[in-house]
Structures are given as C-alpha cells and as structure tokens.
C-alpha cells in the first residue's frame, strides 16, 4: 500500500491523533517548567504552580460535562470545538505570553479543550473502525499518547533554554490547524441526540463537587498547604457530589449516565481495574523519583532518564496488546501485564543504595511491558462492551473517575509519606532511614493494590466469554 493510500484509509486516525498528541505533548512539557515560571514572572512557587494546576482542574471539571455538550452538538462538533479552543488559545499564548494572567487563562482553556477531546478521541476512532480492529486502533492511540509524555519534558526544557515560552505555544498551532482541517473533512457528521435537559443546578453541583475535591487534594498534597482548608474543600466536594447524585437519580436522562456501571458488568469491572491501574501508575510517579534521588542519590537528569524504558516499552506493548485483543477471546496476557507491574513495584521496596543502574532499568522496563499489556487494553474491552450510543458517555465517565482516583492516590501517598516519616523520626530513626522506610511501605502497598486486580481480570474474562457464547447462541437460533 502506498503512503497516499495509507493516509487516505487512516485519515480519521490521523485527524484525531494529531490534536490529541500535541495536547498531551505540550502539557507534559509544562509540567517540568515550574522553576522557569518563577524566574520568568518573578512570582512565588505557589503562584507558579497554578499554571500547571489550572489545566488539570479545568480538564477534570469539563470531562463529566462532555456528555451534555455531545448531546447538544454531536461528537464531531464537540471535538472540533475542543480543537478550536486549543488552537485559538495557543495563538493567544504565543502572542501575549509575557503577561501572566493571559498564560493562566490559556491554561484554563487548554484544560477545557482536553476535557472535551480526550474522552471523545477514542470514541470517534471506535465509531469509524469496526469492532474487529478496535484493539489495533487503541494500540496506535496508546502508542502516541504514551510517547508524548516521554518526550514532552525534553521538549519543554529545550524550548525554554534555546527559545522561549512563546514557542511552546506556537508549536501547538500547526498541529491544531491540520487536525482541525482533517476533522472537518474526514469525520462523518453526527446528529445531536438532544435527550438531556440543561439543569443549571445540576451543572453547578458537579462543577462545585469536582473543583472542591480537586483543590482539596492539591492542598493536602502540598507540604505547606493548610490541612484545615483542604479538609473543608474535600467535605464540600463530597457533599456537592452526593447532592448531585441524589438529584440525578430522579431523572430519566441524567447529566452523567453513571447507571452504566450497574447495567454493564464488563464495563464496570474494566473501569474498576483502570481506576486502580491509574492510581498505581501516578503513585509510582510520586514514589520512584523520591527513591531515585533521596535514597539512591541519582541526579535529576538521570532520574528522568530512568523513565524512558517504561515509556518506550509501554508504547510498544500497548500495540501488541491491541492486536491480541483483535485476535482472540482470552485476556490472559492482561493478567501477565498486571503481574509484571506488581513484581516491578514490589522489587523497588527491596533495592539498596548500591543497586546497579542496569537492574533499575530492567525493573522500569518490566513495568513498561506490564503497562502496555494491561492499561489501554482494559479500557478498550470496557468500551467495546457498551452500545454505540453510550460510548461517549462511558468514555467521559471513565476518564473522570480515573482522574479523581489517581489524584486521591497521590494525595494519600503524600500524606502517608509525611506522617510516617515524622512518626519514625519521633521514634528515634534517622531522617534518611525514616524516609526510606516510608517509601518501602508505599511500594509494597502499591504492589499489593495492583495484584488485587488479578481476580477482577479473571472475572472480566469469564463474563466476556459468556457474552460471546450467548450472542453466538442467539445468532444461531435466529
């Protein structure tokens, strides 16, 4: 097949992935630039942190509202709206990045764009490609979206060193423009369903709940954050969401169709596994840099390089995992992947200061293989189990729950690390040894949490096989 024929056949894949790739790439680049923001704008570290936090907050708030936007405008228009916001505000950022309020506003709108685009990107691909090749589609999607965070920090550092912040915004513009053109011409039009009523009180409750939870989690995770304020924010967020759920239970067509969790057991199980996987993945990102730098005395640059084998092998094995989903019914390889992750994390609880770098790289590579085999593939299986008309609702619900679960995991790890360290120091241990003990215990806990999903994989496999047999029986009798 010629290059032109390949591009024509997969134009929808190219249209969707170009925008999503650039979004993830530049956001990961921003995540390491906090010291640069402090110097550039002459601000405090806490103020500079909002440049990163506002993106995450806006994205997390927008995700559960994506279903309502799709209901009113359709999937294509919603995705194009996200792309348009992303490109337009990147342009503003490039022109006016010398003003801190503009950068903060741009980061908010980039978060809104991400909240619209990320849940819909996979749904649009599933709509275009048949169920028999969806595993390979999610493999391609997963490859690009795992490579982007790996090269993003390097890109961000290089841009700030040799160019300036404006170029980090300008990079987005051609990606957004090309993706926008392709989406407009290649993706089919979707008629809006217009089934949901716009309930302003419900929207305000879900926004208040998720914003309060997210800010509370951030305050708890910050060493200098007020724990009293954080507790009140968490309490307010939980109360707002509880009130929201109570209101939505009385509706025929709720704002967020969380009843999908009760109606479809495969989707529910896959979402539970994915939430645990995301919690462990973000937990490891919190714990391992502390082990590398505070315990093993590695430099920051070498610490960053340690994550490269994980990213490379994740992108490779997510492609293989997708192909294996398309090829057969057994999900045994997912269990192997989860086992690899658990073994890798357990092992970090027993490394010593003189451990060879090669062994650390092997453990990081093993985790990458496990991530690739189990993470995206579980998501694909869960979405495949939903009816076509519920895909966008399921994806938005899944993305929101995974985001909140991973945030809570990092919060709990940060709090445990701080409290456990102080407790051990108070008992007479040296500070360095106390920190190492706390980190060992967190590695052990994350490994156990990952291993606990193995029975869920077995249950999901059995239910999936039973559904296939039941459907084949109905086809034969029909």
Foldseek 3Di string as FASTA:
>chain_A
DDPVVVCVVCLLLLLQQLQVLLLLQLLLQLVVCLVVVCVLQVDDSVVSVLLNLLLLLLLLLQLLQLVVVCLVFNLLVLLLVLLVLLQVLLVVCLVPVSDPVSSSVSSNSSSNSNSNRVLSSLLLVPVVDDPLQSLLSLLQSQLSSLVSSLCNNVVSVVCVVPPRPSVSSVVSNVSSVVSSVSSVPPRDTDDRNNPDDDDPLLSVLSSLLSSLLSVLLVQLLDPPRDPVSSVVSNVSNVVSVVVSVVVQVPDPDGSFPPCVLVVFVLLVLLLVLLLLVLQLVLLCVLQQVCCVCLFLNDDPVVSSVLLVLLSNLLSVLLSVLSVVVSVDQDLVQLLVLLVLLLVLLLVSLPDHNPDDPVVSSVSSNSNSNSNSNHHSNSVSRSLVRDPSVCNSSSSSVSVSSSSSSNSVSSSVLSNQLVVQLVVVVVVPDDSSVSNSNSSSVSSNVSSVSSNVSSVSSVVSSVVSVVVVVVVVVVVVVD
